[in-house]
Protein backbone atom coordinates (compact mmCIF):
# COMPACT_ATOMS: atom_id res chain seq x y z
CA MET A 1 9.59 -112.60 -47.91
CA ILE A 2 11.82 -113.54 -50.96
CA ARG A 3 9.55 -111.25 -52.98
CA TRP A 4 9.37 -108.45 -50.76
CA LEU A 5 13.50 -108.49 -50.70
CA THR A 6 13.33 -108.71 -54.18
CA GLU A 7 10.76 -106.20 -55.46
CA PRO A 8 12.24 -104.64 -58.87
CA VAL A 9 12.71 -101.10 -59.11
CA PRO A 10 13.53 -99.19 -62.10
CA ARG A 11 17.55 -99.63 -63.01
CA GLY A 12 18.39 -95.46 -63.19
CA ARG A 13 17.06 -95.65 -60.03
CA ILE A 14 19.75 -97.99 -59.18
CA ALA A 15 22.40 -95.77 -61.33
CA ALA A 16 21.49 -92.70 -59.94
CA PHE A 17 22.01 -94.26 -55.91
CA ARG A 18 25.18 -96.13 -57.46
CA THR A 19 26.63 -92.70 -58.65
CA LEU A 20 25.72 -91.09 -55.27
CA VAL A 21 27.27 -93.35 -53.31
CA TYR A 22 30.51 -93.61 -55.06
CA LEU A 23 30.79 -89.49 -54.92
CA PHE A 24 30.02 -89.61 -51.57
CA VAL A 25 33.15 -92.03 -50.89
CA ALA A 26 35.61 -89.92 -52.63
CA ALA A 27 33.97 -86.67 -50.54
CA ASP A 28 34.63 -88.65 -47.74
CA LEU A 29 38.18 -89.57 -48.04
CA VAL A 30 39.07 -85.58 -48.73
CA ILE A 31 35.94 -83.32 -46.39
CA PHE A 32 34.78 -86.02 -43.86
CA THR A 33 37.38 -88.74 -42.71
CA PRO A 34 40.96 -87.21 -44.15
CA TRP A 35 41.91 -87.40 -40.34
CA VAL A 36 42.17 -91.30 -40.66
CA ARG A 37 45.99 -90.86 -42.60
CA THR A 38 47.17 -89.54 -39.35
CA ARG A 39 46.28 -92.57 -37.27
CA VAL A 40 49.41 -94.19 -38.32
CA ASP A 41 51.55 -91.16 -36.78
CA VAL A 42 50.50 -92.63 -33.58
CA PRO A 43 52.49 -95.86 -31.79
CA GLY A 44 51.79 -99.55 -33.27
CA GLU A 45 50.38 -100.32 -29.90
CA LEU A 46 47.31 -98.55 -29.62
CA TYR A 47 46.27 -99.47 -32.84
CA GLN A 48 43.30 -102.14 -31.40
CA PRO A 49 41.47 -103.60 -34.38
CA LEU A 50 38.29 -104.31 -34.56
CA LEU A 51 36.50 -108.11 -34.62
CA ILE A 52 37.14 -108.59 -37.96
CA GLY A 53 40.26 -107.08 -38.47
CA ARG A 54 41.36 -109.68 -36.13
CA LEU A 55 39.71 -112.54 -38.01
CA LEU A 56 41.03 -111.88 -41.38
CA PRO A 57 43.93 -110.40 -40.14
CA LEU A 58 44.53 -107.65 -41.27
CA PRO A 59 48.19 -105.33 -41.03
CA THR A 60 48.97 -102.85 -38.59
CA PRO A 61 48.47 -99.70 -40.63
CA THR A 62 51.64 -98.06 -42.27
CA PRO A 63 51.77 -94.64 -43.66
CA GLY A 64 52.82 -96.52 -47.23
CA LEU A 65 49.36 -98.13 -46.56
CA VAL A 66 47.09 -96.10 -45.95
CA ALA A 67 48.89 -93.84 -48.55
CA VAL A 68 47.86 -96.53 -51.03
CA VAL A 69 44.46 -97.24 -50.11
CA PHE A 70 43.57 -93.34 -49.91
CA TRP A 71 44.94 -92.67 -53.43
CA ALA A 72 43.36 -95.93 -54.98
CA LEU A 73 40.06 -95.63 -52.94
CA LEU A 74 39.75 -91.64 -54.08
CA ALA A 75 40.45 -92.58 -58.41
CA LEU A 76 38.54 -95.83 -58.25
CA ALA A 77 35.68 -94.41 -56.27
CA LEU A 78 35.07 -91.65 -58.70
CA LEU A 79 35.90 -94.19 -61.90
CA ALA A 80 32.55 -96.73 -60.42
CA ALA A 81 30.53 -93.81 -59.79
CA THR A 82 30.12 -93.61 -63.93
CA GLY A 83 28.60 -97.06 -63.51
CA ARG A 84 31.35 -98.40 -65.64
CA ALA A 85 32.33 -102.14 -64.73
CA PRO A 86 29.89 -102.22 -62.05
CA ARG A 87 31.04 -105.68 -60.42
CA LEU A 88 34.71 -104.70 -60.46
CA LEU A 89 35.27 -101.61 -59.38
CA GLY A 90 32.21 -102.23 -56.55
CA TRP A 91 34.14 -105.04 -55.13
CA THR A 92 37.09 -103.00 -55.07
CA VAL A 93 35.86 -99.90 -54.08
CA PHE A 94 34.02 -101.86 -51.07
CA ALA A 95 37.26 -104.02 -49.69
CA LEU A 96 39.32 -100.70 -49.88
CA TYR A 97 36.30 -98.57 -47.72
CA PHE A 98 36.12 -101.30 -45.56
CA GLN A 99 39.94 -101.02 -45.15
CA TRP A 100 39.51 -97.37 -44.60
CA MET A 101 37.10 -97.62 -41.87
CA ILE A 102 39.07 -100.63 -40.17
CA VAL A 103 42.08 -98.47 -39.75
CA ALA A 104 39.27 -95.72 -38.66
CA MET A 105 37.58 -97.26 -35.70
CA SER A 106 40.26 -98.84 -34.74
CA TYR A 107 42.11 -96.95 -32.46
CA GLY A 108 38.86 -96.17 -29.70
CA LYS A 109 35.61 -94.78 -31.09
CA VAL A 110 33.32 -96.66 -33.61
CA ASP A 111 30.84 -94.63 -35.52
CA HIS A 112 27.60 -96.44 -36.05
CA ASP A 113 26.36 -94.25 -38.81
CA ARG A 114 28.70 -95.86 -41.79
CA PHE A 115 27.21 -98.99 -41.23
CA ALA A 116 24.00 -98.82 -43.91
CA LEU A 117 26.33 -97.00 -46.54
CA LEU A 118 29.12 -100.43 -46.21
CA VAL A 119 26.18 -102.38 -46.77
CA ALA A 120 25.40 -99.82 -49.60
CA LEU A 121 28.65 -100.83 -51.10
CA ALA A 122 29.10 -104.35 -50.50
CA ALA A 123 25.36 -104.56 -51.97
CA LEU A 124 25.56 -102.51 -54.87
CA PRO A 125 28.31 -104.85 -56.93
CA THR A 126 24.95 -107.49 -57.22
CA ALA A 127 23.15 -105.32 -58.72
CA GLY A 128 24.77 -105.47 -62.39
CA ARG A 129 24.62 -102.63 -64.78
CA ALA A 130 21.86 -99.65 -65.01
CA ARG A 131 21.59 -96.56 -66.53
CA HIS A 132 20.15 -93.40 -65.94
CA GLY A 133 16.90 -93.14 -66.78
CA ASP A 134 16.79 -97.07 -67.76
CA PRO A 135 12.82 -97.19 -66.39
CA THR A 136 13.67 -101.19 -66.84
CA ARG A 137 12.83 -102.80 -63.85
CA SER A 138 15.35 -104.87 -61.52
CA GLU A 139 15.37 -107.51 -59.10
CA ALA A 140 18.72 -107.62 -58.04
CA GLY A 141 18.75 -103.94 -58.18
CA GLY A 142 15.38 -104.67 -56.15
CA TRP A 143 17.52 -106.73 -53.55
CA ALA A 144 20.36 -104.43 -52.93
CA LEU A 145 18.00 -101.43 -51.94
CA ARG A 146 16.23 -103.27 -49.93
CA VAL A 147 19.00 -104.57 -47.64
CA THR A 148 20.56 -101.18 -47.72
CA GLN A 149 17.08 -99.67 -46.28
CA ILE A 150 16.95 -102.46 -43.71
CA ALA A 151 20.79 -101.17 -42.52
CA VAL A 152 19.33 -97.89 -42.45
CA ILE A 153 16.61 -99.23 -40.19
CA CYS A 154 18.52 -101.12 -38.26
CA THR A 155 20.54 -98.50 -37.44
CA TYR A 156 17.99 -96.68 -35.27
CA PHE A 157 16.34 -99.81 -34.04
CA LEU A 158 19.89 -101.31 -32.50
CA ALA A 159 20.51 -97.83 -31.37
CA ALA A 160 17.65 -97.58 -29.00
CA TRP A 161 18.46 -101.15 -28.03
CA ALA A 162 22.20 -100.06 -26.88
CA LYS A 163 20.82 -97.26 -25.52
CA LEU A 164 18.62 -99.05 -23.17
CA ARG A 165 21.20 -102.25 -22.74
CA PHE A 166 23.69 -99.40 -21.25
CA GLY A 167 21.61 -97.06 -19.64
CA GLY A 168 18.46 -98.58 -18.81
CA PRO A 169 14.99 -96.37 -18.75
CA ASP A 170 16.64 -93.88 -17.13
CA TRP A 171 18.63 -93.09 -20.44
CA ALA A 172 15.01 -91.11 -21.64
CA THR A 173 15.15 -89.26 -18.01
CA GLY A 174 18.77 -88.52 -17.80
CA SER A 175 21.24 -85.82 -18.80
CA VAL A 176 22.42 -87.02 -22.07
CA LEU A 177 21.02 -84.26 -24.14
CA ALA A 178 22.07 -82.20 -22.00
CA ARG A 179 25.55 -82.46 -21.56
CA ALA A 180 25.86 -83.54 -25.23
CA ILE A 181 24.74 -79.34 -25.41
CA ILE A 182 27.40 -78.66 -23.16
CA ARG A 183 30.27 -80.34 -25.15
CA ARG A 184 29.28 -79.17 -28.78
CA GLY A 185 25.80 -77.24 -28.42
CA THR A 186 25.10 -74.30 -30.98
CA ASP A 187 23.31 -71.08 -30.15
CA LEU A 188 19.89 -72.49 -31.27
CA ALA A 189 20.48 -75.77 -29.06
CA ASP A 190 21.41 -73.54 -25.92
CA LEU A 191 17.93 -71.80 -26.33
CA ILE A 192 16.26 -75.01 -26.48
CA ALA A 193 18.43 -75.94 -23.29
CA GLN A 194 16.94 -73.25 -21.70
CA VAL A 195 13.04 -74.63 -22.02
CA PRO A 196 11.88 -76.53 -18.80
CA TYR A 197 11.75 -80.53 -19.70
CA LEU A 198 11.70 -80.23 -23.58
CA LEU A 199 15.54 -81.95 -23.58
CA ILE A 200 13.58 -84.65 -21.38
CA VAL A 201 10.79 -84.83 -23.71
CA ALA A 202 13.01 -84.83 -26.88
CA GLN A 203 15.14 -87.99 -25.29
CA PHE A 204 11.68 -89.85 -25.01
CA GLY A 205 10.81 -88.84 -28.46
CA ILE A 206 14.39 -90.39 -29.59
CA LEU A 207 13.56 -93.62 -28.04
CA ALA A 208 10.17 -93.85 -29.22
CA PHE A 209 10.99 -93.12 -33.14
CA GLU A 210 14.00 -95.09 -32.58
CA LEU A 211 11.88 -98.22 -31.38
CA LEU A 212 9.39 -97.78 -34.44
CA SER A 213 11.28 -97.05 -36.86
CA PRO A 214 10.77 -100.70 -38.69
CA LEU A 215 6.84 -99.49 -39.22
CA VAL A 216 8.02 -97.87 -41.73
CA PHE A 217 8.59 -100.66 -44.26
CA LEU A 218 4.71 -101.31 -43.55
CA LEU A 219 3.55 -97.86 -44.93
CA PRO A 220 1.96 -97.10 -48.20
CA GLU A 221 4.95 -95.40 -50.67
CA ARG A 222 3.33 -92.08 -49.87
CA TRP A 223 3.55 -92.23 -46.55
CA ARG A 224 6.91 -94.00 -46.33
CA HIS A 225 8.16 -91.19 -48.20
CA ALA A 226 7.14 -88.90 -46.16
CA THR A 227 8.50 -90.60 -43.09
CA ILE A 228 11.62 -90.73 -44.60
CA GLY A 229 11.16 -86.64 -44.92
CA PHE A 230 10.80 -86.94 -41.07
CA PHE A 231 14.11 -88.86 -40.78
CA TYR A 232 15.80 -86.54 -42.68
CA SER A 233 14.52 -83.45 -40.64
CA PHE A 234 15.30 -85.25 -36.99
CA HIS A 235 18.98 -85.62 -38.63
CA VAL A 236 18.95 -81.51 -39.84
CA VAL A 237 17.90 -80.35 -36.41
CA THR A 238 20.75 -82.64 -34.51
CA ILE A 239 23.33 -80.68 -37.15
CA ALA A 240 21.62 -77.34 -35.73
CA THR A 241 21.74 -77.98 -32.05
CA ILE A 242 24.65 -80.60 -31.46
CA THR A 243 26.60 -80.24 -34.83
CA ILE A 244 26.22 -84.29 -35.37
CA SER A 245 26.04 -84.83 -39.29
CA PHE A 246 25.58 -88.24 -39.76
CA ALA A 247 26.23 -87.74 -43.63
CA PRO A 248 26.90 -91.65 -44.52
CA HIS A 249 24.16 -92.54 -43.33
CA LEU A 250 21.99 -89.87 -45.13
CA VAL A 251 23.56 -90.90 -48.32
CA ALA A 252 21.99 -94.48 -47.37
CA MET A 253 19.02 -93.22 -46.75
CA THR A 254 18.94 -92.43 -49.91
CA SER A 255 17.95 -95.52 -50.91
CA PHE A 256 13.89 -95.30 -50.08
CA LEU A 257 13.29 -92.15 -52.55
CA PRO A 258 12.87 -92.48 -56.20
CA LEU A 259 16.27 -91.28 -57.61
CA GLU A 260 15.28 -91.92 -60.97
CA LYS A 261 13.44 -88.61 -60.98
CA LEU A 262 16.46 -86.58 -60.15
CA ARG A 263 18.52 -86.15 -63.46
CA PRO A 264 19.90 -82.76 -62.73
CA LEU A 265 22.57 -83.81 -66.44
CA ASP A 266 19.62 -84.12 -68.65
CA ARG A 267 17.88 -81.52 -67.42
CA LEU A 268 21.17 -79.00 -68.01
CA ARG A 269 21.48 -80.58 -71.31
CA ARG A 270 17.83 -79.46 -72.23
CA LEU A 271 18.70 -75.75 -70.99
CA ARG A 272 21.88 -75.73 -73.08
CA ARG A 273 19.92 -76.65 -76.13
CA ARG A 274 16.90 -74.17 -75.77
CA ASP A 275 17.51 -71.87 -78.45
CA PRO A 276 16.92 -67.68 -77.31
CA PRO A 277 13.54 -66.54 -78.97
CA ASN A 278 13.97 -64.90 -82.09
CA PRO A 279 13.04 -61.38 -81.20
CA VAL A 280 9.72 -60.21 -82.75
CA ASP A 281 9.27 -58.14 -85.63
CA HIS A 282 6.02 -56.05 -83.81
CA THR A 283 5.98 -53.94 -87.57
CA ALA A 284 5.81 -56.71 -89.96
CA GLY A 285 2.64 -57.50 -91.67
CA GLN A 286 1.62 -53.79 -91.47
CA ALA A 287 1.09 -51.66 -94.20
CA VAL A 288 4.04 -49.17 -94.03
CA THR A 289 2.11 -45.86 -94.90
CA THR A 290 4.30 -42.43 -95.88
CA PRO A 291 3.06 -39.55 -94.37
CA VAL A 292 1.53 -37.04 -97.10
CA ASP A 293 2.13 -33.16 -96.24
CA ASP A 294 -1.17 -31.30 -96.33
CA VAL A 295 -1.08 -28.90 -99.17
CA ARG A 296 -3.98 -26.54 -99.72
CA ALA A 297 -4.18 -24.72 -102.77
CA THR A 298 -3.47 -21.38 -102.23
CA PRO A 299 -6.01 -19.08 -104.78
CA LEU A 300 -3.74 -16.82 -107.42
CA PRO A 301 -3.86 -13.25 -106.66
CA GLN A 302 -6.18 -11.62 -108.99
CA SER A 303 -4.71 -9.15 -111.33
């Protein structure tokens, strides 16, 4: 079991995953969750901290506190994406983002698509230093990726468990997707909803997919990557029909992929270093001939 949890992976994969995760944290602040800053505009009595927020305990958010967390997290996440001071910056980014999420989720709705990302942020500082393109294998890096992968799969499996726990078997035969389409469906979803029984079949398929998701760990690497591709396609359909993105989860799921093979900066440098091809002089090496007039001797007139 320990050997499986710490299966070595290339350090280049850790470096790529680290850069991707920290860049997403910065993007999350300004694209996906800027609304967290507005939470402090409501009365403090509405703040109902999650269990972890009550155990620590954390203070009720104020405009000053949220502003400090926002700007510090934005700057440090961008700095951490460079790979510098992986432990110091990593733990700091995790603590700040954890606080950011507690503020976000302590006013009612709790999103489960951020669980795997939080696990990744907690595990990455333990992986140590890693450089892009480094093929050296690391057990610490393997552990960081493995626990992130487990969190990704737990998100699916526990989602199915919650469906059965609170909805029972009726979840699969009910009108869950129909209600979602009515609330936030797209034109594509409206077309799909017209097909008889298709939504019911889809609900059974979602339950089966989530319950069977742990089997991905038993597959050979090639088939595991194909299965992860199917997972991504599921979320593409979800975005296209009911506009739910699961962006943090999708970032964490890249822990299954050989990210060390994707090196866009190196490819860009190679393209810049390529010299433009020299023009070919097609006349080189050929004899240059000067046209000679075809002068014919003209006989002189006879006297």
